[in-house]
Each structure stands twice: as C-alpha cells, then as structure tokens.
Protein backbone atom coordinates (compact mmCIF):
# COMPACT_ATOMS: atom_id res chain seq x y z
CA MET A 1 26.25 0.67 -89.70
CA ALA A 2 26.74 -3.10 -89.25
CA ASP A 3 30.20 -2.48 -87.84
CA ARG A 4 28.49 -1.23 -84.66
CA PHE A 5 26.84 -4.56 -83.81
CA PHE A 6 27.19 -8.30 -84.25
CA PRO A 7 24.63 -9.92 -86.56
CA ASN A 8 22.03 -11.63 -84.41
CA GLN A 9 22.24 -15.24 -85.54
CA MET A 10 20.59 -16.67 -82.44
CA PRO A 11 17.42 -18.74 -82.86
CA ASP A 12 14.12 -16.93 -82.40
CA PHE A 13 13.35 -19.39 -79.62
CA VAL A 14 15.03 -22.31 -77.85
CA ALA A 15 12.86 -24.53 -75.68
CA GLU A 16 14.12 -25.54 -72.26
CA ALA A 17 15.47 -29.08 -72.05
CA PRO A 18 14.23 -31.53 -69.41
CA ALA A 19 15.64 -30.73 -66.00
CA GLU A 20 17.93 -33.74 -65.91
CA GLU A 21 19.67 -32.77 -69.16
CA LEU A 22 22.60 -30.32 -69.16
CA ALA A 23 21.64 -28.83 -65.80
CA ALA A 24 24.80 -29.99 -64.07
CA SER A 25 27.09 -29.07 -66.95
CA ASP A 26 29.87 -26.54 -66.74
CA SER A 27 28.72 -23.49 -68.69
CA ASP A 28 32.17 -23.16 -70.26
CA ALA A 29 31.61 -26.49 -72.00
CA LEU A 30 28.16 -25.58 -73.35
CA THR A 31 27.35 -24.04 -76.69
CA LEU A 32 25.19 -20.93 -76.68
CA THR A 33 22.15 -22.94 -77.79
CA GLU A 34 22.75 -25.50 -75.03
CA LEU A 35 23.06 -22.72 -72.47
CA LEU A 36 19.76 -21.24 -73.66
CA SER A 37 18.11 -24.65 -73.37
CA LEU A 38 18.92 -25.01 -69.67
CA PRO A 39 15.98 -25.02 -67.25
CA TYR A 40 15.84 -21.50 -65.85
CA ALA A 41 16.79 -22.57 -62.35
CA ALA A 42 20.03 -24.05 -63.71
CA LEU A 43 20.68 -21.08 -65.99
CA SER A 44 20.06 -18.75 -63.05
CA ASP A 45 22.82 -20.52 -61.14
CA HIS A 46 25.23 -19.86 -64.01
CA PHE A 47 24.31 -16.18 -64.03
CA ARG A 48 24.66 -15.98 -60.26
CA LYS A 49 28.15 -17.49 -60.29
CA ALA A 50 29.25 -15.29 -63.18
CA ALA A 51 27.88 -12.20 -61.44
CA PHE A 52 29.78 -12.89 -58.23
CA ASP A 53 32.99 -13.62 -60.12
CA LEU A 54 32.69 -10.39 -62.13
CA LYS A 55 31.84 -8.42 -59.01
CA GLU A 56 35.03 -9.61 -57.34
CA THR A 57 37.03 -8.55 -60.39
CA VAL A 58 35.39 -5.13 -60.44
CA VAL A 59 36.02 -4.62 -56.71
CA ARG A 60 39.64 -5.66 -57.05
CA GLU A 61 40.33 -3.42 -60.03
CA THR A 62 38.41 -0.35 -58.89
CA TRP A 63 38.72 -0.45 -55.13
CA THR A 64 41.09 -2.81 -53.32
CA SER A 65 43.98 -2.12 -55.71
CA LYS A 66 43.41 1.65 -55.60
CA GLU A 67 43.81 4.37 -53.01
CA SER A 68 40.83 4.99 -50.72
CA HIS A 69 40.37 8.48 -52.18
CA PRO A 70 38.99 7.77 -55.66
CA ARG A 71 39.61 10.32 -58.38
CA ASP A 72 36.40 9.34 -60.12
CA TRP A 73 33.73 8.96 -57.46
CA THR A 74 30.67 8.95 -59.74
CA LEU A 75 28.21 6.12 -60.18
CA TYR A 76 28.57 6.34 -63.96
CA THR A 77 32.26 5.44 -64.32
CA GLY A 78 33.70 5.65 -60.83
CA ALA A 79 33.83 4.16 -57.35
CA LEU A 80 30.18 4.83 -56.53
CA GLY A 81 29.24 2.46 -59.33
CA THR A 82 31.23 -0.26 -57.56
CA ALA A 83 29.35 0.57 -54.35
CA PHE A 84 26.05 0.26 -56.23
CA LEU A 85 27.15 -3.13 -57.59
CA ALA A 86 28.16 -4.26 -54.09
CA LEU A 87 24.72 -3.26 -52.83
CA LYS A 88 23.12 -5.32 -55.60
CA SER A 89 25.30 -8.26 -54.64
CA TYR A 90 24.14 -7.90 -51.04
CA LEU A 91 20.48 -7.85 -52.08
CA VAL A 92 20.99 -11.12 -54.00
CA SER A 93 23.24 -12.91 -51.49
CA ASN A 94 22.41 -11.24 -48.14
CA ASN A 95 26.16 -11.28 -47.51
CA GLU A 96 26.90 -8.58 -44.94
CA THR A 97 30.41 -8.19 -46.34
CA ASP A 98 28.96 -6.71 -49.52
CA LEU A 99 26.86 -4.22 -47.58
CA LYS A 100 29.88 -3.20 -45.51
CA LEU A 101 31.92 -2.79 -48.69
CA CYS A 102 29.21 -0.60 -50.19
CA SER A 103 29.21 1.63 -47.12
CA GLU A 104 33.01 1.89 -47.08
CA ILE A 105 33.13 2.98 -50.70
CA VAL A 106 30.35 5.52 -50.20
CA THR A 107 32.25 6.98 -47.24
CA ALA A 108 35.30 7.48 -49.46
CA CYS A 109 33.19 9.00 -52.24
CA ASP A 110 31.57 11.32 -49.71
CA SER A 111 34.92 12.62 -48.53
CA VAL A 112 36.11 13.56 -52.03
CA SER A 113 32.83 14.90 -53.45
CA THR A 114 31.88 17.43 -50.79
CA ASP A 115 32.71 20.45 -52.93
CA SER A 116 31.14 19.14 -56.12
CA ARG A 117 28.47 21.30 -57.75
CA ARG A 118 27.03 18.33 -59.60
CA VAL A 119 23.69 17.34 -58.12
CA SER A 120 22.42 14.29 -60.03
CA PHE A 121 22.26 10.66 -58.94
CA ILE A 122 24.39 9.15 -61.70
CA CYS A 123 27.10 11.78 -61.95
CA GLY A 124 26.66 13.98 -58.90
CA ARG A 125 26.65 14.49 -55.17
CA ALA A 126 23.02 13.39 -54.76
CA GLY A 127 23.98 9.85 -55.73
CA VAL A 128 26.57 9.67 -52.96
CA CYS A 129 24.21 10.87 -50.25
CA ALA A 130 21.21 8.86 -51.46
CA LEU A 131 23.12 5.60 -51.79
CA GLY A 132 24.80 6.19 -48.44
CA ALA A 133 21.44 6.65 -46.72
CA VAL A 134 19.94 3.53 -48.28
CA ALA A 135 22.96 1.38 -47.41
CA ALA A 136 22.85 2.72 -43.84
CA LYS A 137 19.16 1.84 -43.53
CA LEU A 138 19.83 -1.71 -44.68
CA ALA A 139 22.58 -1.90 -42.05
CA ASN A 140 20.15 -0.61 -39.40
CA ASN A 141 22.39 2.38 -38.76
CA GLY A 142 19.96 5.19 -38.04
CA ARG A 143 22.70 7.66 -37.21
CA GLN A 144 24.28 7.22 -40.64
CA VAL A 145 20.91 7.48 -42.34
CA SER A 146 20.40 10.87 -40.69
CA HIS A 147 23.96 11.87 -41.56
CA TYR A 148 23.47 11.31 -45.28
CA LEU A 149 19.97 12.76 -45.36
CA GLU A 150 21.23 15.94 -43.74
CA LYS A 151 23.95 16.17 -46.37
CA PHE A 152 21.36 15.59 -49.07
CA GLU A 153 19.36 18.55 -47.78
CA TYR A 154 22.35 20.81 -48.43
CA ILE A 155 22.33 19.94 -52.13
CA LYS A 156 20.74 22.84 -53.98
CA PRO A 157 20.31 22.61 -57.76
CA PRO A 158 21.83 25.83 -59.21
CA ASP A 159 19.80 28.12 -61.45
CA ASP A 160 21.93 27.33 -64.50
CA LEU A 161 21.44 23.56 -64.17
CA PRO A 162 20.40 21.70 -67.34
CA ASN A 163 17.30 19.52 -67.20
CA GLU A 164 18.66 16.16 -68.38
CA LEU A 165 19.28 12.98 -66.41
CA LEU A 166 23.05 12.54 -66.16
CA TYR A 167 23.93 15.99 -64.80
CA GLY A 168 20.70 17.94 -64.51
CA ARG A 169 17.40 18.46 -62.71
CA ALA A 170 15.96 15.11 -63.83
CA GLY A 171 18.97 13.41 -62.24
CA PHE A 172 18.39 15.25 -58.97
CA LEU A 173 14.69 14.34 -59.03
CA TRP A 174 15.60 10.70 -59.57
CA ALA A 175 17.75 10.78 -56.42
CA CYS A 176 14.77 12.17 -54.49
CA LEU A 177 12.55 9.39 -55.82
CA PHE A 178 15.17 6.76 -54.95
CA LEU A 179 15.23 7.98 -51.34
CA ASN A 180 11.46 8.09 -51.06
CA LYS A 181 11.20 4.54 -52.35
CA HIS A 182 13.91 3.01 -50.18
CA ILE A 183 13.89 5.16 -47.03
CA GLY A 184 10.22 6.04 -46.83
CA HIS A 185 7.46 8.15 -48.35
CA ASN A 186 8.07 11.88 -48.08
CA THR A 187 11.69 11.44 -47.00
CA ILE A 188 12.25 14.20 -49.55
CA SER A 189 9.21 16.44 -49.32
CA ASN A 190 6.86 17.07 -52.19
CA THR A 191 7.59 20.77 -51.74
CA ILE A 192 11.24 20.27 -52.63
CA MET A 193 10.45 17.97 -55.54
CA ARG A 194 7.61 20.14 -56.81
CA SER A 195 9.85 23.17 -57.13
CA VAL A 196 12.20 21.19 -59.38
CA VAL A 197 9.32 19.74 -61.41
CA ASP A 198 7.98 23.26 -61.97
CA GLU A 199 11.35 24.35 -63.35
CA VAL A 200 11.62 21.32 -65.64
CA ILE A 201 8.09 21.75 -67.00
CA GLU A 202 8.48 25.49 -67.52
CA ALA A 203 11.81 25.10 -69.32
CA GLY A 204 10.36 22.38 -71.54
CA ARG A 205 7.32 24.46 -72.44
CA GLN A 206 9.38 27.52 -73.26
CA LEU A 207 11.52 25.66 -75.78
CA GLY A 208 8.55 23.59 -76.94
CA LYS A 209 6.81 26.75 -78.16
CA LYS A 210 9.40 26.95 -80.93
CA GLY A 211 8.65 23.48 -82.32
CA LYS A 212 6.09 20.71 -82.64
CA SER A 213 6.59 19.03 -79.25
CA PRO A 214 4.88 20.42 -76.11
CA LEU A 215 8.12 19.89 -74.17
CA MET A 216 11.64 20.20 -75.50
CA TYR A 217 15.06 20.60 -73.92
CA GLU A 218 18.61 21.43 -74.92
CA TRP A 219 21.91 20.16 -73.64
CA HIS A 220 25.14 21.60 -75.03
CA GLY A 221 23.19 23.24 -77.83
CA LYS A 222 21.42 20.11 -79.06
CA LYS A 223 17.83 18.98 -78.56
CA TYR A 224 18.59 15.41 -77.51
CA TRP A 225 15.96 12.68 -77.52
CA GLY A 226 17.69 9.90 -75.59
CA ALA A 227 17.67 8.72 -72.00
CA ALA A 228 20.97 10.19 -70.87
CA HIS A 229 20.63 13.81 -72.01
CA GLY A 230 17.23 14.28 -73.59
CA LEU A 231 13.50 13.84 -73.83
CA ALA A 232 13.29 10.13 -73.02
CA GLY A 233 15.17 10.47 -69.73
CA ILE A 234 13.33 13.59 -68.61
CA MET A 235 9.89 12.17 -69.50
CA HIS A 236 10.78 8.95 -67.68
CA VAL A 237 11.55 10.79 -64.45
CA LEU A 238 8.52 13.08 -64.73
CA MET A 239 6.24 10.05 -64.99
CA ASN A 240 7.43 8.98 -61.53
CA VAL A 241 6.16 12.15 -59.84
CA LYS A 242 2.64 13.46 -59.29
CA LEU A 243 1.80 15.75 -62.20
CA GLN A 244 -1.03 18.19 -62.77
CA PRO A 245 -3.46 17.08 -65.51
CA ASP A 246 -2.09 19.60 -68.02
CA GLU A 247 1.49 18.53 -67.23
CA ALA A 248 0.62 14.85 -67.68
CA GLU A 249 -0.96 15.69 -71.02
CA ASP A 250 2.21 17.50 -72.11
CA VAL A 251 4.28 14.46 -71.20
CA LYS A 252 1.95 12.14 -73.13
CA SER A 253 1.92 14.43 -76.15
CA THR A 254 5.70 14.71 -76.11
CA ILE A 255 6.03 10.92 -76.17
CA ARG A 256 3.47 10.73 -78.97
CA TYR A 257 5.53 13.29 -80.90
CA MET A 258 8.63 11.09 -80.56
CA ILE A 259 6.74 8.05 -81.82
CA LYS A 260 5.35 9.99 -84.79
CA ASP A 261 8.78 11.29 -85.80
CA ARG A 262 10.81 8.09 -85.28
CA PHE A 263 12.73 6.50 -88.12
CA PRO A 264 10.89 4.07 -90.44
CA SER A 265 13.02 1.32 -88.89
CA GLY A 266 11.41 1.93 -85.48
CA ASN A 267 14.59 3.45 -84.08
CA TYR A 268 14.83 7.00 -82.68
CA CYS A 269 17.15 9.85 -83.55
CA SER A 270 19.82 10.96 -81.11
CA SER A 271 18.80 14.63 -81.39
CA GLU A 272 16.15 16.73 -83.08
CA GLY A 273 16.69 16.82 -86.83
CA ASN A 274 19.47 14.22 -86.83
CA GLU A 275 18.73 11.88 -89.74
CA SER A 276 21.38 9.27 -88.93
CA ASP A 277 19.71 5.98 -87.96
CA ARG A 278 22.80 4.45 -86.32
CA LEU A 279 22.63 4.42 -82.55
CA VAL A 280 20.80 1.64 -80.69
CA HIS A 281 21.91 2.53 -77.16
CA TRP A 282 20.29 3.32 -73.83
CA CYS A 283 21.81 6.79 -74.03
CA HIS A 284 20.77 7.48 -77.65
CA GLY A 285 18.24 5.51 -79.64
CA ALA A 286 15.54 2.88 -79.22
CA PRO A 287 16.60 1.22 -75.91
CA GLY A 288 16.30 4.30 -73.69
CA VAL A 289 13.14 5.44 -75.46
CA ALA A 290 11.64 1.94 -75.15
CA LEU A 291 12.04 1.98 -71.36
CA THR A 292 10.27 5.35 -71.30
CA LEU A 293 7.48 3.97 -73.49
CA ILE A 294 7.07 1.03 -71.11
CA LYS A 295 6.80 3.46 -68.20
CA ALA A 296 4.18 5.39 -70.19
CA VAL A 297 2.13 2.21 -70.59
CA GLU A 298 2.26 1.68 -66.82
CA ILE A 299 1.21 5.27 -66.08
CA PHE A 300 -1.16 6.12 -68.93
CA GLY A 301 -2.24 2.73 -70.25
CA ASP A 302 -2.09 3.71 -73.92
CA ASP A 303 -1.87 0.76 -76.32
CA LYS A 304 -0.01 2.92 -78.84
CA PHE A 305 2.82 3.29 -76.35
CA LEU A 306 2.97 -0.49 -75.90
CA GLU A 307 2.98 -1.04 -79.67
CA ALA A 308 5.83 1.45 -80.06
CA ALA A 309 7.79 -0.21 -77.24
CA MET A 310 7.42 -3.57 -78.95
CA ASP A 311 8.55 -2.04 -82.25
CA ALA A 312 11.62 -0.64 -80.49
CA ALA A 313 12.31 -4.08 -79.02
CA GLU A 314 12.44 -5.49 -82.57
CA VAL A 315 15.09 -2.92 -83.45
CA ILE A 316 17.09 -3.99 -80.40
CA TRP A 317 16.74 -7.71 -81.19
CA ASN A 318 18.01 -7.11 -84.73
CA ARG A 319 20.64 -4.42 -84.13
CA GLY A 320 21.26 -4.41 -80.40
CA LEU A 321 24.07 -6.96 -80.05
CA LEU A 322 26.47 -4.08 -79.83
CA LYS A 323 30.23 -4.44 -79.95
CA ARG A 324 30.30 -2.95 -76.48
CA VAL A 325 29.66 -4.57 -73.12
CA GLY A 326 28.23 -1.81 -70.91
CA ILE A 327 24.78 -0.63 -69.91
CA CYS A 328 24.96 2.92 -71.28
CA HIS A 329 25.89 1.93 -74.82
CA GLY A 330 26.30 -1.81 -74.85
CA ILE A 331 24.58 -5.19 -74.84
CA SER A 332 24.04 -5.18 -71.08
CA GLY A 333 21.89 -2.06 -71.21
CA ASN A 334 19.94 -3.21 -74.25
CA THR A 335 18.98 -6.43 -72.48
CA TYR A 336 16.97 -4.46 -69.94
CA VAL A 337 14.38 -3.54 -72.56
CA PHE A 338 13.45 -7.21 -72.91
CA LEU A 339 13.37 -7.63 -69.14
CA SER A 340 11.15 -4.58 -68.77
CA LEU A 341 8.74 -5.78 -71.47
CA TYR A 342 8.64 -9.21 -69.84
CA ARG A 343 7.74 -7.61 -66.52
CA LEU A 344 5.04 -5.51 -68.19
CA THR A 345 3.46 -8.13 -70.47
CA GLY A 346 4.40 -11.51 -69.00
CA ASP A 347 5.23 -12.60 -72.56
CA THR A 348 7.96 -15.24 -72.37
CA LYS A 349 9.24 -14.14 -75.78
CA TYR A 350 10.86 -11.20 -74.04
CA LEU A 351 12.30 -13.33 -71.26
CA TYR A 352 13.85 -15.54 -73.94
CA ARG A 353 15.34 -12.53 -75.70
CA ALA A 354 16.79 -11.26 -72.43
CA LYS A 355 18.25 -14.74 -71.84
CA ALA A 356 19.69 -14.75 -75.35
CA PHE A 357 21.47 -11.41 -75.00
CA ALA A 358 22.72 -12.24 -71.50
CA CYS A 359 23.91 -15.70 -72.61
CA PHE A 360 25.68 -14.14 -75.59
CA LEU A 361 27.62 -11.99 -73.13
CA HIS A 362 28.18 -14.90 -70.75
CA GLN A 363 29.64 -17.07 -73.48
CA ASN A 364 31.46 -14.52 -75.63
CA ALA A 365 32.28 -11.22 -73.92
CA GLU A 366 35.62 -12.18 -72.37
CA ARG A 367 36.88 -13.77 -75.59
CA LEU A 368 35.65 -10.99 -77.85
CA ILE A 369 37.21 -8.32 -75.63
CA SER A 370 40.54 -10.17 -75.56
CA GLU A 371 40.45 -10.50 -79.36
CA GLY A 372 39.73 -6.80 -79.76
CA LYS A 373 36.34 -7.47 -81.35
CA MET A 374 34.33 -5.97 -78.48
CA HIS A 375 34.99 -2.70 -76.64
CA SER A 376 35.29 -3.11 -72.88
CA GLY A 377 34.64 0.60 -72.31
CA ASP A 378 36.94 3.53 -71.70
CA ARG A 379 36.62 2.62 -68.01
CA PRO A 380 36.48 -1.15 -68.47
CA TYR A 381 35.38 -2.06 -64.94
CA SER A 382 32.83 0.70 -64.46
CA LEU A 383 29.09 0.31 -63.95
CA PHE A 384 27.88 2.20 -67.00
CA GLU A 385 30.66 1.55 -69.52
CA GLY A 386 32.31 -1.69 -68.50
CA ILE A 387 31.88 -5.14 -67.00
CA GLY A 388 30.41 -3.68 -63.82
CA GLY A 389 27.22 -3.26 -65.80
CA MET A 390 27.42 -6.82 -67.11
CA ALA A 391 27.78 -8.08 -63.54
CA TYR A 392 24.74 -6.04 -62.50
CA LEU A 393 22.73 -7.52 -65.40
CA PHE A 394 23.73 -11.06 -64.44
CA PHE A 395 22.52 -10.41 -60.89
CA ASP A 396 19.21 -9.24 -62.34
CA MET A 397 18.97 -12.34 -64.52
CA VAL A 398 18.84 -14.41 -61.33
CA GLU A 399 15.31 -13.07 -60.72
CA PRO A 400 14.28 -11.42 -63.98
CA SER A 401 10.70 -10.58 -63.00
CA VAL A 402 11.95 -7.85 -60.65
CA ALA A 403 14.87 -6.58 -62.76
CA ARG A 404 15.26 -2.83 -63.15
CA PHE A 405 17.71 -0.83 -65.27
CA PRO A 406 20.10 0.50 -62.61
CA SER A 407 19.56 4.15 -61.62
CA TYR A 408 16.85 4.57 -64.26
CA GLU A 409 13.92 2.28 -63.52
CA LEU A 410 12.66 2.61 -59.97
C-alpha cells in the first residue's frame, strides 16, 4: 500500500517567520520547511508565479502546439480543461488575454462536440455550453451568452443515462447549477432540474431497497461510493438543489450509512463490499467523500458529519501524498479537502496542511516526475490527471479562503 504514496515526513506545524526573513528569497533556493515558514503574502506570490508558469506550459502543450480541432475536447483530460484553467487565470489576474483564450478554446470544443451524446459538465457537451456561456458573460458578450444557452437547451439526458457525476445525470445537474450560479438564478429552470432530480432519487431508491442504504447506484455493474462514479458525487450534487423533506432525509441517511460502514482507518471503500483499503483519491476513497461530508455540514449542520470529515482529513494527511500530481487521483486533488475544511471551520491547522501539500508539489513535483518517482498522468498536461490541476490548485492557494475543487464544489 505504501508504494501508492510518499511517507508524510513534514512537520505537523511550521510557524511563519517574521516578514523580513526569507520573503524575498527565490523559492528554488528554499527548503520545504523554509517555504512553509514564509509569511502567507510572500508564499502566495510564489504560488501565483508558479501557477502562471504552469498555465503557460499547459496552454503551449495542449493548445498552441496542436490543431484547433481537439480530439479530446472534455474538461477532464482535454482542451476544455485548458479553457477552464485559462478562465481561472483570468479571475486571478484580470488579464483579458486569458479570457479571450478561454473563449477561443471553447469555440473549438463546441465545433467538435456537437454530435456528442455525453451530457455532463466534466466529460460531456453540457460543460462546453456552460463554460462558453459563463466566459461570454464575463466578456460582456450577450449574443454569445444566448448562443451557448440555446445550445444548452438542446441537451437532453437520454433515458439510459447513468446517475453518476462524470458521465451521468449528476454531471448534467452540476452544469445546470454552474449556470445558475454564474449567469443568474433560474437560468436553467427548476422544472428542468426537478425532472432530473426525480429520476436520480427514484433510481437510487429502487436499488436502495435491495440493501441497507436508502439510496444506491450502479455504474458498470458496481455500486461505487466515490465522487467520480458513485454515492459521494451524487449526494454532493443533490445537496446543491432544493429537496423535499423525505428526499433530504434519504440523502442524510445515505451519508450516515457510508460513515457507519467506512474502514476502521477512516478511509472509504471504492465500491460496495470492496474490502481493499488502498485508494485515497478524490475519485475513490476519503478525499471525495470528505468534500461531500463538508457539504453535508453546511446543509444539515450535523456534528457527526464534521467529525467524519475531520477523520477523513487525517487519512489524507497520513496517506494522501500520492505518487501522482493530478486532482482526480493525485496530491493536487487531495489538498482541496484541507482547503474546504479551512473554509468551513476557520481552523488554521487545515490551512497549514493545504500549504504543506501544495509546497510539497511546488518543491518536488517536477523533479520527482523527471526521476520517474511520480506519475504525471496519462494526459500529463490535463486538468484532472496532470499539471493542469496543479496549476489550478496553485491559483487557488493565492486566496485559499475562497478555493473550490474545480467542477465539484460550487
């Protein structure tokens, strides 16, 4: 199991040094402990510079050096992920070039995804149209906003759609929520969203009758628990919509069931009945579940959910320095649990842990990848598998109190 992660040998806490010490130093010349001791304003500058440098690399490798008709147009591993990163860069820098780049990439993704039957935000057509509309609004281009919203209206989830986040109904619902947050309330009507929620709840209850959880779902024949394909991701999205009292109770009881049946370590299985306590990823294991638990605290206010989220964070601190860089199954994604707990609790312990994981990447990722000791991802520049996700995390470390796991936390 230890071959999946680096032993966490970082101190439990490093106090910030006085502002005049180290602040002007080149981060390449600092040890990890010295980097962690920087006043946050100085450390934030290091993250900002690293984020912009990585973003330029990602853009060069995935866009400017490629044809303008991307083969992989998805947000998960393709060009749309680069557009999402460019949008994040714009929101941090207010550089209009980044916003223009985002719009250009979305236009290309739109042209090659028209016939796709995939309807989710992360891996489907809804992500193209939703991101296009939001970028157009930021550019004050009302005509383009209408253009993408009209295309979004043509997206119809098929009857045989699964319910999970990456490809299914939860992923389509998330796109609706993203539009309503960034374009305006009721941009996607409650009627449209409610029909999808009804299908998700009904499917979950039907399968739940055969087990101990009120809601349960299958994807490719397995009852997954994680954020990408299973319970954690579906519950997370459902908690962002208005639920009937009995539906909200089913969601709460499903999360309680997961807590009750977690591993003694505090980690969570990848699928129902799987007894292998190995995976500490956003997609499978404690990180994705922890973000759902944090959302449950915000919605339901149950202290047991907060306690379980903190327990999951301990698993991530001890076993979450994965030998992978990305946000789906890598250190970048695991860092967001600490950021989310910091936002929820205000406890600086979690800000420190986020700093520690991010600084570990800042100091070591390039070297470890070059030495073959860390996996850069099958698509090494992508948002979810590669350094695109690390760049996104570094942008979020500039202002950690408002950080959100990309295309998961609203």
